[in-house]
Amino acid sequence: MARFLSFIFKLLGVTSAVYLVYLTLFTLFEGVKNLYDGVDGTVRAASITAFVTVVTFLIGKLWEQSRDRKAKINSEKIAVYKRFFDFYFDMFSYEKIHGKPKEPGDILRELVEFQKDLVFWGSDQVLRAFLGFKDELAIFTEKRPNDASNDETQLALARVMKSVAALLVAMRRDIGYSFTAFNAKDLGRLQLADDEENKQLMKYL
């Protein structure tokens, strides 16, 4: 429902903008035409044609600048968002590769560096989803000691993965995939090996 309302508001915004441009051009056109009342028809037609050409050129340049600016911003967003998933997949594969979990200090340092860019380039929805991920990651870190039961650890990890999936959805929507249907189970299938050890975890997603 929220996505539908967002789409409607965007559509209304675009429609209003187009109408305002039309109204502005119509007013300017009428004003120029009135200036040439009584002037030879050929001269008036040539002047109006020149005016329309100049206005069209200016609108085209403004549109190009807006498009280039959005493309630049999108490029920066994609680079920042990619850094997060490099960090995320590395964090959960580190133990299997190196035989020990990644040091909390290293995780914190990488998160702080990532946050600096995210605050600048990320949308509000992405920032909120990232804060949700940080909260779930803190809970998971607390439950990782050996005295925590396997079920507790898996439940906490499942919540982390759900928060990451929500963050990925927010990022995908921010860079243009408005109707993405990616979810935690999709992330689990990408991230986890298809073995007995992970079957219970997949049920929690």
C-alpha atoms as a PDB file:
ATOM      1  CA  MET A   1       0.000   0.000   0.000  1.00  0.00           C
ATOM      2  CA  ALA A   2       2.816   2.402   0.897  1.00  0.00           C
ATOM      3  CA  ARG A   3       4.553   1.718  -2.422  1.00  0.00           C
ATOM      4  CA  PHE A   4       1.288   2.299  -4.315  1.00  0.00           C
ATOM      5  CA  LEU A   5       0.730   5.631  -2.551  1.00  0.00           C
ATOM      6  CA  SER A   6       4.339   6.603  -3.251  1.00  0.00           C
ATOM      7  CA  PHE A   7       3.800   5.823  -6.944  1.00  0.00           C
ATOM      8  CA  ILE A   8       0.586   7.890  -7.016  1.00  0.00           C
ATOM      9  CA  PHE A   9       2.300  10.873  -5.361  1.00  0.00           C
ATOM     10  CA  LYS A  10       5.195  10.667  -7.832  1.00  0.00           C
ATOM     11  CA  LEU A  11       2.758  10.493 -10.741  1.00  0.00           C
ATOM     12  CA  LEU A  12       0.859  13.518  -9.424  1.00  0.00           C
ATOM     13  CA  GLY A  13       4.148  15.374  -8.991  1.00  0.00           C
ATOM     14  CA  VAL A  14       5.241  14.670 -12.567  1.00  0.00           C
ATOM     15  CA  THR A  15       1.805  15.596 -13.918  1.00  0.00           C
ATOM     16  CA  SER A  16       1.842  18.870 -11.977  1.00  0.00           C
ATOM     17  CA  ALA A  17       5.338  19.684 -13.222  1.00  0.00           C
ATOM     18  CA  VAL A  18       4.349  19.033 -16.853  1.00  0.00           C
ATOM     19  CA  TYR A  19       1.250  21.189 -16.452  1.00  0.00           C
ATOM     20  CA  LEU A  20       3.264  24.050 -14.923  1.00  0.00           C
ATOM     21  CA  VAL A  21       5.779  23.899 -17.780  1.00  0.00           C
ATOM     22  CA  TYR A  22       2.935  23.941 -20.299  1.00  0.00           C
ATOM     23  CA  LEU A  23       1.250  26.860 -18.530  1.00  0.00           C
ATOM     24  CA  THR A  24       4.515  28.818 -18.375  1.00  0.00           C
ATOM     25  CA  LEU A  25       5.299  28.249 -22.050  1.00  0.00           C
ATOM     26  CA  PHE A  26       1.747  29.105 -23.073  1.00  0.00           C
ATOM     27  CA  THR A  27       1.879  32.361 -21.088  1.00  0.00           C
ATOM     28  CA  LEU A  28       5.258  33.297 -22.563  1.00  0.00           C
ATOM     29  CA  PHE A  29       4.097  32.414 -26.055  1.00  0.00           C
ATOM     30  CA  GLU A  30       0.986  34.556 -25.702  1.00  0.00           C
ATOM     31  CA  GLY A  31       3.064  37.415 -24.314  1.00  0.00           C
ATOM     32  CA  VAL A  32       5.495  37.297 -27.216  1.00  0.00           C
ATOM     33  CA  LYS A  33       2.654  37.045 -29.704  1.00  0.00           C
ATOM     34  CA  ASN A  34       0.988  40.127 -28.216  1.00  0.00           C
ATOM     35  CA  LEU A  35       4.237  42.087 -28.554  1.00  0.00           C
ATOM     36  CA  TYR A  36       4.107  41.547 -32.295  1.00  0.00           C
ATOM     37  CA  ASP A  37       0.491  42.576 -32.841  1.00  0.00           C
ATOM     38  CA  GLY A  38       0.456  44.800 -35.905  1.00  0.00           C
ATOM     39  CA  VAL A  39       3.884  43.591 -37.045  1.00  0.00           C
ATOM     40  CA  ASP A  40       4.320  41.978 -40.459  1.00  0.00           C
ATOM     41  CA  GLY A  41       3.221  38.334 -40.343  1.00  0.00           C
ATOM     42  CA  THR A  42       6.481  36.973 -41.742  1.00  0.00           C
ATOM     43  CA  VAL A  43       8.579  38.833 -39.175  1.00  0.00           C
ATOM     44  CA  ARG A  44       6.263  37.771 -36.376  1.00  0.00           C
ATOM     45  CA  ALA A  45       6.357  34.108 -37.417  1.00  0.00           C
ATOM     46  CA  ALA A  46      10.151  34.150 -37.638  1.00  0.00           C
ATOM     47  CA  SER A  47      10.476  35.803 -34.224  1.00  0.00           C
ATOM     48  CA  ILE A  48       8.095  33.369 -32.555  1.00  0.00           C
ATOM     49  CA  THR A  49       9.907  30.441 -34.162  1.00  0.00           C
ATOM     50  CA  ALA A  50      13.234  31.749 -32.857  1.00  0.00           C
ATOM     51  CA  PHE A  51      11.744  32.233 -29.390  1.00  0.00           C
ATOM     52  CA  VAL A  52      10.349  28.690 -29.296  1.00  0.00           C
ATOM     53  CA  THR A  53      13.703  27.316 -30.485  1.00  0.00           C
ATOM     54  CA  VAL A  54      15.601  29.120 -27.718  1.00  0.00           C
ATOM     55  CA  VAL A  55      13.130  28.032 -25.027  1.00  0.00           C
ATOM     56  CA  THR A  56      13.234  24.425 -26.262  1.00  0.00           C
ATOM     57  CA  PHE A  57      17.046  24.492 -26.218  1.00  0.00           C
ATOM     58  CA  LEU A  58      17.129  25.858 -22.666  1.00  0.00           C
ATOM     59  CA  ILE A  59      14.636  23.273 -21.422  1.00  0.00           C
ATOM     60  CA  GLY A  60      16.675  20.538 -23.095  1.00  0.00           C
ATOM     61  CA  LYS A  61      19.875  21.723 -21.415  1.00  0.00           C
ATOM     62  CA  LEU A  62      18.185  21.889 -18.023  1.00  0.00           C
ATOM     63  CA  TRP A  63      16.835  18.375 -18.499  1.00  0.00           C
ATOM     64  CA  GLU A  64      20.281  17.080 -19.508  1.00  0.00           C
ATOM     65  CA  GLN A  65      21.877  18.680 -16.450  1.00  0.00           C
ATOM     66  CA  SER A  66      19.221  17.167 -14.186  1.00  0.00           C
ATOM     67  CA  ARG A  67      19.679  13.743 -15.802  1.00  0.00           C
ATOM     68  CA  ASP A  68      23.479  13.888 -15.496  1.00  0.00           C
ATOM     69  CA  ARG A  69      23.242  14.987 -11.865  1.00  0.00           C
ATOM     70  CA  LYS A  70      20.891  12.117 -11.022  1.00  0.00           C
ATOM     71  CA  ALA A  71      23.153   9.650 -12.843  1.00  0.00           C
ATOM     72  CA  LYS A  72      26.159  10.896 -10.859  1.00  0.00           C
ATOM     73  CA  ILE A  73      24.284  10.583  -7.559  1.00  0.00           C
ATOM     74  CA  ASN A  74      23.060   7.106  -8.503  1.00  0.00           C
ATOM     75  CA  SER A  75      26.606   6.056  -9.370  1.00  0.00           C
ATOM     76  CA  GLU A  76      27.849   7.207  -5.960  1.00  0.00           C
ATOM     77  CA  LYS A  77      24.972   5.429  -4.202  1.00  0.00           C
ATOM     78  CA  ILE A  78      25.696   2.153  -5.995  1.00  0.00           C
ATOM     79  CA  ALA A  79      29.381   2.314  -5.013  1.00  0.00           C
ATOM     80  CA  VAL A  80      28.494   2.933  -1.347  1.00  0.00           C
ATOM     81  CA  TYR A  81      25.814   0.242  -1.267  1.00  0.00           C
ATOM     82  CA  LYS A  82      28.177  -2.287  -2.877  1.00  0.00           C
ATOM     83  CA  ARG A  83      30.702  -1.633  -0.112  1.00  0.00           C
ATOM     84  CA  PHE A  84      28.128  -2.692   2.464  1.00  0.00           C
ATOM     85  CA  PHE A  85      27.495  -6.048   0.829  1.00  0.00           C
ATOM     86  CA  ASP A  86      31.208  -6.658   0.358  1.00  0.00           C
ATOM     87  CA  PHE A  87      31.503  -6.089   4.110  1.00  0.00           C
ATOM     88  CA  TYR A  88      28.454  -8.207   4.961  1.00  0.00           C
ATOM     89  CA  PHE A  89      29.372 -11.310   2.976  1.00  0.00           C
ATOM     90  CA  ASP A  90      32.985 -11.048   4.108  1.00  0.00           C
ATOM     91  CA  MET A  91      31.874 -10.843   7.739  1.00  0.00           C
ATOM     92  CA  PHE A  92      29.911 -14.095   7.586  1.00  0.00           C
ATOM     93  CA  SER A  93      32.388 -16.008   5.423  1.00  0.00           C
ATOM     94  CA  TYR A  94      35.465 -14.879   7.374  1.00  0.00           C
ATOM     95  CA  GLU A  95      35.190 -17.618  10.011  1.00  0.00           C
ATOM     96  CA  LYS A  96      34.969 -20.414   7.435  1.00  0.00           C
ATOM     97  CA  ILE A  97      37.954 -19.057   5.507  1.00  0.00           C
ATOM     98  CA  HIS A  98      40.201 -18.124   8.447  1.00  0.00           C
ATOM     99  CA  GLY A  99      38.998 -20.587  11.086  1.00  0.00           C
ATOM    100  CA  LYS A 100      38.030 -17.867  13.564  1.00  0.00           C
ATOM    101  CA  PRO A 101      35.375 -15.133  13.727  1.00  0.00           C
ATOM    102  CA  LYS A 102      36.238 -11.643  12.611  1.00  0.00           C
ATOM    103  CA  GLU A 103      37.394  -9.393  15.429  1.00  0.00           C
ATOM    104  CA  PRO A 104      34.602  -7.100  16.740  1.00  0.00           C
ATOM    105  CA  GLY A 105      36.995  -4.145  16.507  1.00  0.00           C
ATOM    106  CA  ASP A 106      37.538  -4.768  12.788  1.00  0.00           C
ATOM    107  CA  ILE A 107      33.787  -5.043  12.203  1.00  0.00           C
ATOM    108  CA  LEU A 108      33.136  -1.805  14.086  1.00  0.00           C
ATOM    109  CA  ARG A 109      35.879   0.047  12.207  1.00  0.00           C
ATOM    110  CA  GLU A 110      34.512  -1.021   8.812  1.00  0.00           C
ATOM    111  CA  LEU A 111      30.964  -0.076   9.844  1.00  0.00           C
ATOM    112  CA  VAL A 112      32.081   3.391  10.965  1.00  0.00           C
ATOM    113  CA  GLU A 113      33.878   3.999   7.658  1.00  0.00           C
ATOM    114  CA  PHE A 114      30.821   2.830   5.728  1.00  0.00           C
ATOM    115  CA  GLN A 115      28.462   5.003   7.794  1.00  0.00           C
ATOM    116  CA  LYS A 116      30.350   8.164   6.832  1.00  0.00           C
ATOM    117  CA  ASP A 117      29.457   7.691   3.177  1.00  0.00           C
ATOM    118  CA  LEU A 118      26.006   6.259   3.858  1.00  0.00           C
ATOM    119  CA  VAL A 119      24.905   9.321   5.833  1.00  0.00           C
ATOM    120  CA  PHE A 120      25.850  11.510   2.864  1.00  0.00           C
ATOM    121  CA  TRP A 121      24.526   9.408  -0.033  1.00  0.00           C
ATOM    122  CA  GLY A 122      21.863   7.107   1.454  1.00  0.00           C
ATOM    123  CA  SER A 123      18.145   7.862   1.327  1.00  0.00           C
ATOM    124  CA  ASP A 124      16.121   8.172   4.535  1.00  0.00           C
ATOM    125  CA  GLN A 125      14.643   4.707   3.979  1.00  0.00           C
ATOM    126  CA  VAL A 126      18.109   3.193   3.529  1.00  0.00           C
ATOM    127  CA  LEU A 127      19.414   4.900   6.668  1.00  0.00           C
ATOM    128  CA  ARG A 128      16.500   3.592   8.746  1.00  0.00           C
ATOM    129  CA  ALA A 129      16.987   0.071   7.372  1.00  0.00           C
ATOM    130  CA  PHE A 130      20.713   0.270   8.150  1.00  0.00           C
ATOM    131  CA  LEU A 131      19.999   1.281  11.749  1.00  0.00           C
ATOM    132  CA  GLY A 132      17.696  -1.734  12.020  1.00  0.00           C
ATOM    133  CA  PHE A 133      20.529  -3.941  10.778  1.00  0.00           C
ATOM    134  CA  LYS A 134      22.926  -2.484  13.368  1.00  0.00           C
ATOM    135  CA  ASP A 135      20.452  -3.209  16.156  1.00  0.00           C
ATOM    136  CA  GLU A 136      20.018  -6.835  15.064  1.00  0.00           C
ATOM    137  CA  LEU A 137      23.770  -7.273  14.590  1.00  0.00           C
ATOM    138  CA  ALA A 138      24.370  -6.098  18.167  1.00  0.00           C
ATOM    139  CA  ILE A 139      21.848  -8.653  19.473  1.00  0.00           C
ATOM    140  CA  PHE A 140      23.426 -11.422  17.395  1.00  0.00           C
ATOM    141  CA  THR A 141      26.908 -10.531  18.667  1.00  0.00           C
ATOM    142  CA  GLU A 142      25.686 -10.834  22.261  1.00  0.00           C
ATOM    143  CA  LYS A 143      24.239 -14.303  21.595  1.00  0.00           C
ATOM    144  CA  ARG A 144      27.342 -15.738  19.944  1.00  0.00           C
ATOM    145  CA  PRO A 145      29.188 -16.912  23.098  1.00  0.00           C
ATOM    146  CA  ASN A 146      29.436 -20.660  23.591  1.00  0.00           C
ATOM    147  CA  ASP A 147      26.834 -20.671  26.363  1.00  0.00           C
ATOM    148  CA  ALA A 148      24.115 -19.506  23.944  1.00  0.00           C
ATOM    149  CA  SER A 149      21.972 -22.327  22.604  1.00  0.00           C
ATOM    150  CA  ASN A 150      22.138 -23.147  18.920  1.00  0.00           C
ATOM    151  CA  ASP A 151      18.487 -22.185  18.436  1.00  0.00           C
ATOM    152  CA  GLU A 152      19.033 -18.797  20.077  1.00  0.00           C
ATOM    153  CA  THR A 153      22.029 -18.129  17.862  1.00  0.00           C
ATOM    154  CA  GLN A 154      20.182 -19.176  14.722  1.00  0.00           C
ATOM    155  CA  LEU A 155      17.157 -17.073  15.607  1.00  0.00           C
ATOM    156  CA  ALA A 156      19.401 -14.059  16.162  1.00  0.00           C
ATOM    157  CA  LEU A 157      21.222 -14.716  12.881  1.00  0.00           C
ATOM    158  CA  ALA A 158      17.893 -15.066  11.065  1.00  0.00           C
ATOM    159  CA  ARG A 159      16.872 -11.643  12.383  1.00  0.00           C
ATOM    160  CA  VAL A 160      20.153 -10.190  11.125  1.00  0.00           C
ATOM    161  CA  MET A 161      19.548 -11.687   7.690  1.00  0.00           C
ATOM    162  CA  LYS A 162      15.990 -10.343   7.627  1.00  0.00           C
ATOM    163  CA  SER A 163      17.288  -6.873   8.464  1.00  0.00           C
ATOM    164  CA  VAL A 164      19.914  -7.181   5.710  1.00  0.00           C
ATOM    165  CA  ALA A 165      17.232  -8.228   3.220  1.00  0.00           C
ATOM    166  CA  ALA A 166      15.157  -5.189   4.247  1.00  0.00           C
ATOM    167  CA  LEU A 167      18.236  -3.004   3.768  1.00  0.00           C
ATOM    168  CA  LEU A 168      18.892  -4.504   0.337  1.00  0.00           C
ATOM    169  CA  VAL A 169      15.280  -3.843  -0.681  1.00  0.00           C
ATOM    170  CA  ALA A 170      15.603  -0.203   0.446  1.00  0.00           C
ATOM    171  CA  MET A 171      18.855   0.156  -1.506  1.00  0.00           C
ATOM    172  CA  ARG A 172      17.408  -1.433  -4.655  1.00  0.00           C
ATOM    173  CA  ARG A 173      14.393   0.874  -4.527  1.00  0.00           C
ATOM    174  CA  ASP A 174      16.670   3.862  -3.996  1.00  0.00           C
ATOM    175  CA  ILE A 175      18.629   3.164  -7.194  1.00  0.00           C
ATOM    176  CA  GLY A 176      15.541   2.563  -9.313  1.00  0.00           C
ATOM    177  CA  TYR A 177      14.162  -0.952  -8.731  1.00  0.00           C
ATOM    178  CA  SER A 178      10.903   0.409  -7.343  1.00  0.00           C
ATOM    179  CA  PHE A 179       8.945  -2.845  -7.259  1.00  0.00           C
ATOM    180  CA  THR A 180      11.626  -5.294  -6.102  1.00  0.00           C
ATOM    181  CA  ALA A 181      10.295  -8.380  -4.313  1.00  0.00           C
ATOM    182  CA  PHE A 182      13.603  -9.601  -2.837  1.00  0.00           C
ATOM    183  CA  ASN A 183      13.230 -11.130   0.645  1.00  0.00           C
ATOM    184  CA  ALA A 184      15.153 -12.852   3.442  1.00  0.00           C
ATOM    185  CA  LYS A 185      14.688 -16.349   1.996  1.00  0.00           C
ATOM    186  CA  ASP A 186      16.222 -15.178  -1.277  1.00  0.00           C
ATOM    187  CA  LEU A 187      19.188 -13.836   0.674  1.00  0.00           C
ATOM    188  CA  GLY A 188      19.466 -17.121   2.558  1.00  0.00           C
ATOM    189  CA  ARG A 189      19.584 -19.102  -0.672  1.00  0.00           C
ATOM    190  CA  LEU A 190      22.363 -16.831  -1.940  1.00  0.00           C
ATOM    191  CA  GLN A 191      24.343 -16.776   1.296  1.00  0.00           C
ATOM    192  CA  LEU A 192      23.947 -20.239   2.830  1.00  0.00           C
ATOM    193  CA  ALA A 193      25.083 -23.644   1.681  1.00  0.00           C
ATOM    194  CA  ASP A 194      22.265 -26.114   1.026  1.00  0.00           C
ATOM    195  CA  ASP A 195      23.085 -28.533   3.837  1.00  0.00           C
ATOM    196  CA  GLU A 196      21.555 -29.932   7.026  1.00  0.00           C
ATOM    197  CA  GLU A 197      23.299 -27.345   9.181  1.00  0.00           C
ATOM    198  CA  ASN A 198      21.455 -24.469   7.520  1.00  0.00           C
ATOM    199  CA  LYS A 199      18.021 -26.036   7.008  1.00  0.00           C
ATOM    200  CA  GLN A 200      16.774 -24.904  10.417  1.00  0.00           C
ATOM    201  CA  LEU A 201      18.095 -21.399   9.817  1.00  0.00           C
ATOM    202  CA  MET A 202      16.249 -21.226   6.492  1.00  0.00           C
ATOM    203  CA  LYS A 203      13.019 -22.115   8.341  1.00  0.00           C
ATOM    204  CA  TYR A 204      13.463 -19.053  10.548  1.00  0.00           C
ATOM    205  CA  LEU A 205      13.739 -16.723   7.559  1.00  0.00           C
END
